[in-house]
Amino acid sequence: MKTLNTILIAAALSAGLAFADDAKQDMKNAGTDTKDAAKNAGHGIKKGTKHVVHKASGKTEEGAAKVNAKTQ
């Protein structure tokens, strides 16, 4: 009976350690996924900002040219 209890306790501890390793890996994966999502969001914001600035600067140049033409 004592041997059976020892075996059961050892099995329970082994299962607990395996679960802890799985949980640790899940946390690492979640952290990596979050990091990748932040990078992708930042890339999209950078691209969108460049697009808006490019469009705005073109319109500013057009407006300046019109004002310059009308004042001469």
PDB file of N, CA and C in Angstrom:
ATOM      1  N   MET A   1       0.818  -1.187   0.000  1.00  0.00           N
ATOM      2  CA  MET A   1       0.000   0.000   0.000  1.00  0.00           C
ATOM      3  C   MET A   1       0.863   1.254   0.000  1.00  0.00           C
ATOM      4  N   LYS A   2       1.934   1.208   0.777  1.00  0.00           N
ATOM      5  CA  LYS A   2       2.828   2.358   0.866  1.00  0.00           C
ATOM      6  C   LYS A   2       3.499   2.613  -0.483  1.00  0.00           C
ATOM      7  N   THR A   3       3.862   1.568  -1.192  1.00  0.00           N
ATOM      8  CA  THR A   3       4.489   1.701  -2.509  1.00  0.00           C
ATOM      9  C   THR A   3       3.500   2.291  -3.507  1.00  0.00           C
ATOM     10  N   LEU A   4       2.261   1.857  -3.438  1.00  0.00           N
ATOM     11  CA  LEU A   4       1.229   2.375  -4.334  1.00  0.00           C
ATOM     12  C   LEU A   4       1.016   3.871  -4.100  1.00  0.00           C
ATOM     13  N   ASN A   5       0.999   4.297  -2.858  1.00  0.00           N
ATOM     14  CA  ASN A   5       0.860   5.728  -2.542  1.00  0.00           C
ATOM     15  C   ASN A   5       2.042   6.520  -3.078  1.00  0.00           C
ATOM     16  N   THR A   6       3.220   5.985  -2.939  1.00  0.00           N
ATOM     17  CA  THR A   6       4.427   6.647  -3.443  1.00  0.00           C
ATOM     18  C   THR A   6       4.367   6.789  -4.960  1.00  0.00           C
ATOM     19  N   ILE A   7       3.920   5.744  -5.634  1.00  0.00           N
ATOM     20  CA  ILE A   7       3.804   5.778  -7.093  1.00  0.00           C
ATOM     21  C   ILE A   7       2.760   6.814  -7.511  1.00  0.00           C
ATOM     22  N   LEU A   8       1.633   6.840  -6.829  1.00  0.00           N
ATOM     23  CA  LEU A   8       0.582   7.809  -7.161  1.00  0.00           C
ATOM     24  C   LEU A   8       1.038   9.249  -6.938  1.00  0.00           C
ATOM     25  N   ILE A   9       1.750   9.477  -5.860  1.00  0.00           N
ATOM     26  CA  ILE A   9       2.272  10.822  -5.576  1.00  0.00           C
ATOM     27  C   ILE A   9       3.285  11.233  -6.638  1.00  0.00           C
ATOM     28  N   ALA A  10       4.170  10.323  -7.009  1.00  0.00           N
ATOM     29  CA  ALA A  10       5.172  10.612  -8.038  1.00  0.00           C
ATOM     30  C   ALA A  10       4.499  10.911  -9.374  1.00  0.00           C
ATOM     31  N   ALA A  11       3.470  10.163  -9.709  1.00  0.00           N
ATOM     32  CA  ALA A  11       2.745  10.388 -10.961  1.00  0.00           C
ATOM     33  C   ALA A  11       2.062  11.755 -10.943  1.00  0.00           C
ATOM     34  N   ALA A  12       1.459  12.106  -9.824  1.00  0.00           N
ATOM     35  CA  ALA A  12       0.785  13.399  -9.711  1.00  0.00           C
ATOM     36  C   ALA A  12       1.786  14.547  -9.844  1.00  0.00           C
ATOM     37  N   LEU A  13       2.945  14.412  -9.212  1.00  0.00           N
ATOM     38  CA  LEU A  13       3.972  15.451  -9.308  1.00  0.00           C
ATOM     39  C   LEU A  13       4.488  15.579 -10.734  1.00  0.00           C
ATOM     40  N   SER A  14       4.671  14.466 -11.406  1.00  0.00           N
ATOM     41  CA  SER A  14       5.149  14.498 -12.795  1.00  0.00           C
ATOM     42  C   SER A  14       4.136  15.196 -13.690  1.00  0.00           C
ATOM     43  N   ALA A  15       2.879  14.883 -13.499  1.00  0.00           N
ATOM     44  CA  ALA A  15       1.834  15.528 -14.300  1.00  0.00           C
ATOM     45  C   ALA A  15       1.793  17.025 -14.011  1.00  0.00           C
ATOM     46  N   GLY A  16       1.976  17.398 -12.751  1.00  0.00           N
ATOM     47  CA  GLY A  16       1.987  18.812 -12.385  1.00  0.00           C
ATOM     48  C   GLY A  16       3.140  19.556 -13.021  1.00  0.00           C
ATOM     49  N   LEU A  17       4.307  18.946 -13.071  1.00  0.00           N
ATOM     50  CA  LEU A  17       5.472  19.575 -13.696  1.00  0.00           C
ATOM     51  C   LEU A  17       5.270  19.721 -15.201  1.00  0.00           C
ATOM     52  N   ALA A  18       4.682  18.713 -15.818  1.00  0.00           N
ATOM     53  CA  ALA A  18       4.417  18.791 -17.255  1.00  0.00           C
ATOM     54  C   ALA A  18       3.429  19.920 -17.544  1.00  0.00           C
ATOM     55  N   PHE A  19       2.422  20.059 -16.695  1.00  0.00           N
ATOM     56  CA  PHE A  19       1.443  21.137 -16.863  1.00  0.00           C
ATOM     57  C   PHE A  19       2.110  22.499 -16.700  1.00  0.00           C
ATOM     58  N   ALA A  20       3.021  22.609 -15.748  1.00  0.00           N
ATOM     59  CA  ALA A  20       3.726  23.878 -15.517  1.00  0.00           C
ATOM     60  C   ALA A  20       4.575  24.244 -16.732  1.00  0.00           C
ATOM     61  N   ASP A  21       5.225  23.264 -17.343  1.00  0.00           N
ATOM     62  CA  ASP A  21       6.030  23.531 -18.534  1.00  0.00           C
ATOM     63  C   ASP A  21       5.153  23.996 -19.694  1.00  0.00           C
ATOM     64  N   ASP A  22       3.979  23.359 -19.846  1.00  0.00           N
ATOM     65  CA  ASP A  22       3.056  23.774 -20.902  1.00  0.00           C
ATOM     66  C   ASP A  22       2.574  25.198 -20.677  1.00  0.00           C
ATOM     67  N   ALA A  23       2.262  25.520 -19.439  1.00  0.00           N
ATOM     68  CA  ALA A  23       1.783  26.868 -19.123  1.00  0.00           C
ATOM     69  C   ALA A  23       2.883  27.898 -19.381  1.00  0.00           C
ATOM     70  N   LYS A  24       4.107  27.555 -19.050  1.00  0.00           N
ATOM     71  CA  LYS A  24       5.231  28.468 -19.270  1.00  0.00           C
ATOM     72  C   LYS A  24       5.411  28.729 -20.768  1.00  0.00           C
ATOM     73  N   GLN A  25       5.317  27.671 -21.565  1.00  0.00           N
ATOM     74  CA  GLN A  25       5.466  27.833 -23.008  1.00  0.00           C
ATOM     75  C   GLN A  25       4.305  28.645 -23.588  1.00  0.00           C
ATOM     76  N   ASP A  26       3.102  28.425 -23.060  1.00  0.00           N
ATOM     77  CA  ASP A  26       1.949  29.208 -23.514  1.00  0.00           C
ATOM     78  C   ASP A  26       2.160  30.695 -23.237  1.00  0.00           C
ATOM     79  N   MET A  27       2.731  31.021 -22.087  1.00  0.00           N
ATOM     80  CA  MET A  27       2.997  32.421 -21.749  1.00  0.00           C
ATOM     81  C   MET A  27       4.047  33.014 -22.692  1.00  0.00           C
ATOM     82  N   LYS A  28       5.064  32.225 -23.014  1.00  0.00           N
ATOM     83  CA  LYS A  28       6.080  32.712 -23.956  1.00  0.00           C
ATOM     84  C   LYS A  28       5.459  32.969 -25.330  1.00  0.00           C
ATOM     85  N   ASN A  29       4.612  32.038 -25.767  1.00  0.00           N
ATOM     86  CA  ASN A  29       3.958  32.206 -27.063  1.00  0.00           C
ATOM     87  C   ASN A  29       3.054  33.430 -27.072  1.00  0.00           C
ATOM     88  N   ALA A  30       2.334  33.652 -25.987  1.00  0.00           N
ATOM     89  CA  ALA A  30       1.457  34.821 -25.902  1.00  0.00           C
ATOM     90  C   ALA A  30       2.273  36.106 -25.966  1.00  0.00           C
ATOM     91  N   GLY A  31       3.412  36.123 -25.300  1.00  0.00           N
ATOM     92  CA  GLY A  31       4.266  37.306 -25.340  1.00  0.00           C
ATOM     93  C   GLY A  31       4.795  37.573 -26.736  1.00  0.00           C
ATOM     94  N   THR A  32       5.201  36.525 -27.421  1.00  0.00           N
ATOM     95  CA  THR A  32       5.708  36.671 -28.790  1.00  0.00           C
ATOM     96  C   THR A  32       4.598  37.139 -29.722  1.00  0.00           C
ATOM     97  N   ASP A  33       3.413  36.577 -29.572  1.00  0.00           N
ATOM     98  CA  ASP A  33       2.287  36.992 -30.411  1.00  0.00           C
ATOM     99  C   ASP A  33       1.954  38.462 -30.191  1.00  0.00           C
ATOM    100  N   THR A  34       1.999  38.908 -28.946  1.00  0.00           N
ATOM    101  CA  THR A  34       1.714  40.307 -28.630  1.00  0.00           C
ATOM    102  C   THR A  34       2.768  41.218 -29.248  1.00  0.00           C
ATOM    103  N   LYS A  35       4.033  40.801 -29.148  1.00  0.00           N
ATOM    104  CA  LYS A  35       5.116  41.594 -29.731  1.00  0.00           C
ATOM    105  C   LYS A  35       4.945  41.712 -31.243  1.00  0.00           C
ATOM    106  N   ASP A  36       4.631  40.599 -31.895  1.00  0.00           N
ATOM    107  CA  ASP A  36       4.450  40.617 -33.346  1.00  0.00           C
ATOM    108  C   ASP A  36       3.262  41.487 -33.755  1.00  0.00           C
ATOM    109  N   ALA A  37       2.190  41.431 -32.976  1.00  0.00           N
ATOM    110  CA  ALA A  37       1.014  42.256 -33.275  1.00  0.00           C
ATOM    111  C   ALA A  37       1.352  43.740 -33.148  1.00  0.00           C
ATOM    112  N   ALA A  38       2.134  44.092 -32.147  1.00  0.00           N
ATOM    113  CA  ALA A  38       2.525  45.497 -31.964  1.00  0.00           C
ATOM    114  C   ALA A  38       3.395  45.967 -33.123  1.00  0.00           C
ATOM    115  N   LYS A  39       4.291  45.108 -33.580  1.00  0.00           N
ATOM    116  CA  LYS A  39       5.139  45.462 -34.725  1.00  0.00           C
ATOM    117  C   LYS A  39       4.288  45.689 -35.969  1.00  0.00           C
ATOM    118  N   ASN A  40       3.330  44.797 -36.202  1.00  0.00           N
ATOM    119  CA  ASN A  40       2.471  44.936 -37.374  1.00  0.00           C
ATOM    120  C   ASN A  40       1.625  46.201 -37.304  1.00  0.00           C
ATOM    121  N   ALA A  41       1.109  46.505 -36.137  1.00  0.00           N
ATOM    122  CA  ALA A  41       0.311  47.725 -35.977  1.00  0.00           C
ATOM    123  C   ALA A  41       1.178  48.959 -36.216  1.00  0.00           C
ATOM    124  N   GLY A  42       2.381  48.959 -35.677  1.00  0.00           N
ATOM    125  CA  GLY A  42       3.293  50.079 -35.873  1.00  0.00           C
ATOM    126  C   GLY A  42       3.652  50.269 -37.333  1.00  0.00           C
ATOM    127  N   HIS A  43       3.841  49.163 -38.032  1.00  0.00           N
ATOM    128  CA  HIS A  43       4.169  49.243 -39.458  1.00  0.00           C
ATOM    129  C   HIS A  43       3.008  49.862 -40.236  1.00  0.00           C
ATOM    130  N   GLY A  44       1.777  49.450 -39.905  1.00  0.00           N
ATOM    131  CA  GLY A  44       0.611  50.011 -40.582  1.00  0.00           C
ATOM    132  C   GLY A  44       0.450  51.491 -40.315  1.00  0.00           C
ATOM    133  N   ILE A  45       0.687  51.907 -39.081  1.00  0.00           N
ATOM    134  CA  ILE A  45       0.590  53.326 -38.731  1.00  0.00           C
ATOM    135  C   ILE A  45       1.647  54.129 -39.478  1.00  0.00           C
ATOM    136  N   LYS A  46       2.867  53.601 -39.528  1.00  0.00           N
ATOM    137  CA  LYS A  46       3.949  54.301 -40.228  1.00  0.00           C
ATOM    138  C   LYS A  46       3.607  54.465 -41.712  1.00  0.00           C
ATOM    139  N   LYS A  47       3.111  53.398 -42.316  1.00  0.00           N
ATOM    140  CA  LYS A  47       2.775  53.436 -43.739  1.00  0.00           C
ATOM    141  C   LYS A  47       1.641  54.434 -43.996  1.00  0.00           C
ATOM    142  N   GLY A  48       0.608  54.396 -43.148  1.00  0.00           N
ATOM    143  CA  GLY A  48      -0.515  55.316 -43.306  1.00  0.00           C
ATOM    144  C   GLY A  48      -0.102  56.763 -43.116  1.00  0.00           C
ATOM    145  N   THR A  49       0.755  57.004 -42.150  1.00  0.00           N
ATOM    146  CA  THR A  49       1.225  58.367 -41.892  1.00  0.00           C
ATOM    147  C   THR A  49       2.021  58.903 -43.079  1.00  0.00           C
ATOM    148  N   LYS A  50       2.896  58.071 -43.625  1.00  0.00           N
ATOM    149  CA  LYS A  50       3.674  58.499 -44.794  1.00  0.00           C
ATOM    150  C   LYS A  50       2.744  58.832 -45.958  1.00  0.00           C
ATOM    151  N   HIS A  51       1.710  58.027 -46.142  1.00  0.00           N
ATOM    152  CA  HIS A  51       0.763  58.252 -47.228  1.00  0.00           C
ATOM    153  C   HIS A  51       0.049  59.595 -47.054  1.00  0.00           C
ATOM    154  N   VAL A  52      -0.420  59.856 -45.846  1.00  0.00           N
ATOM    155  CA  VAL A  52      -1.144  61.098 -45.572  1.00  0.00           C
ATOM    156  C   VAL A  52      -0.225  62.302 -45.745  1.00  0.00           C
ATOM    157  N   VAL A  53       0.992  62.209 -45.237  1.00  0.00           N
ATOM    158  CA  VAL A  53       1.935  63.332 -45.354  1.00  0.00           C
ATOM    159  C   VAL A  53       2.266  63.591 -46.812  1.00  0.00           C
ATOM    160  N   HIS A  54       2.446  62.533 -47.578  1.00  0.00           N
ATOM    161  CA  HIS A  54       2.764  62.696 -48.998  1.00  0.00           C
ATOM    162  C   HIS A  54       1.610  63.390 -49.726  1.00  0.00           C
ATOM    163  N   LYS A  55       0.386  62.949 -49.445  1.00  0.00           N
ATOM    164  CA  LYS A  55      -0.778  63.567 -50.083  1.00  0.00           C
ATOM    165  C   LYS A  55      -0.917  65.026 -49.658  1.00  0.00           C
ATOM    166  N   ALA A  56      -0.720  65.303 -48.373  1.00  0.00           N
ATOM    167  CA  ALA A  56      -0.879  66.662 -47.858  1.00  0.00           C
ATOM    168  C   ALA A  56       0.183  67.591 -48.439  1.00  0.00           C
ATOM    169  N   SER A  57       1.414  67.101 -48.551  1.00  0.00           N
ATOM    170  CA  SER A  57       2.469  67.973 -49.063  1.00  0.00           C
ATOM    171  C   SER A  57       2.228  68.299 -50.533  1.00  0.00           C
ATOM    172  N   GLY A  58       1.672  67.363 -51.281  1.00  0.00           N
ATOM    173  CA  GLY A  58       1.343  67.630 -52.687  1.00  0.00           C
ATOM    174  C   GLY A  58       0.274  68.701 -52.801  1.00  0.00           C
ATOM    175  N   LYS A  59      -0.747  68.639 -51.951  1.00  0.00           N
ATOM    176  CA  LYS A  59      -1.814  69.642 -51.963  1.00  0.00           C
ATOM    177  C   LYS A  59      -1.288  71.006 -51.524  1.00  0.00           C
ATOM    178  N   THR A  60      -0.360  71.017 -50.585  1.00  0.00           N
ATOM    179  CA  THR A  60       0.223  72.277 -50.122  1.00  0.00           C
ATOM    180  C   THR A  60       0.999  72.939 -51.252  1.00  0.00           C
ATOM    181  N   GLU A  61       1.745  72.131 -51.989  1.00  0.00           N
ATOM    182  CA  GLU A  61       2.517  72.677 -53.115  1.00  0.00           C
ATOM    183  C   GLU A  61       1.581  73.229 -54.191  1.00  0.00           C
ATOM    184  N   GLU A  62       0.478  72.516 -54.452  1.00  0.00           N
ATOM    185  CA  GLU A  62      -0.489  73.000 -55.440  1.00  0.00           C
ATOM    186  C   GLU A  62      -1.086  74.335 -55.000  1.00  0.00           C
ATOM    187  N   GLY A  63      -1.462  74.423 -53.745  1.00  0.00           N
ATOM    188  CA  GLY A  63      -2.049  75.661 -53.226  1.00  0.00           C
ATOM    189  C   GLY A  63      -1.066  76.818 -53.281  1.00  0.00           C
ATOM    190  N   ALA A  64       0.182  76.540 -52.939  1.00  0.00           N
ATOM    191  CA  ALA A  64       1.203  77.593 -52.986  1.00  0.00           C
ATOM    192  C   ALA A  64       1.439  78.063 -54.400  1.00  0.00           C
ATOM    193  N   ALA A  65       1.397  77.158 -55.342  1.00  0.00           N
ATOM    194  CA  ALA A  65       1.603  77.532 -56.743  1.00  0.00           C
ATOM    195  C   ALA A  65       0.438  78.407 -57.244  1.00  0.00           C
ATOM    196  N   LYS A  66      -0.781  78.063 -56.825  1.00  0.00           N
ATOM    197  CA  LYS A  66      -1.939  78.860 -57.240  1.00  0.00           C
ATOM    198  C   LYS A  66      -1.863  80.264 -56.658  1.00  0.00           C
ATOM    199  N   VAL A  67      -1.510  80.370 -55.385  1.00  0.00           N
ATOM    200  CA  VAL A  67      -1.397  81.680 -54.757  1.00  0.00           C
ATOM    201  C   VAL A  67      -0.285  82.491 -55.425  1.00  0.00           C
ATOM    202  N   ASN A  68       0.801  81.847 -55.695  1.00  0.00           N
ATOM    203  CA  ASN A  68       1.927  82.521 -56.339  1.00  0.00           C
ATOM    204  C   ASN A  68       1.514  83.027 -57.723  1.00  0.00           C
ATOM    205  N   ALA A  69       0.793  82.212 -58.469  1.00  0.00           N
ATOM    206  CA  ALA A  69       0.365  82.610 -59.810  1.00  0.00           C
ATOM    207  C   ALA A  69      -0.619  83.786 -59.757  1.00  0.00           C
ATOM    208  N   LYS A  70      -1.483  83.778 -58.777  1.00  0.00           N
ATOM    209  CA  LYS A  70      -2.495  84.848 -58.682  1.00  0.00           C
ATOM    210  C   LYS A  70      -1.910  86.162 -58.177  1.00  0.00           C
ATOM    211  N   THR A  71      -0.828  86.104 -57.445  1.00  0.00           N
ATOM    212  CA  THR A  71      -0.256  87.326 -56.876  1.00  0.00           C
ATOM    213  C   THR A  71       0.767  87.959 -57.795  1.00  0.00           C
ATOM    214  N   GLN A  72       1.084  87.332 -58.878  1.00  0.00           N
ATOM    215  CA  GLN A  72       2.088  87.930 -59.778  1.00  0.00           C
ATOM    216  C   GLN A  72       1.464  88.647 -60.932  1.00  0.00           C
TER     217      GLN A  72
END
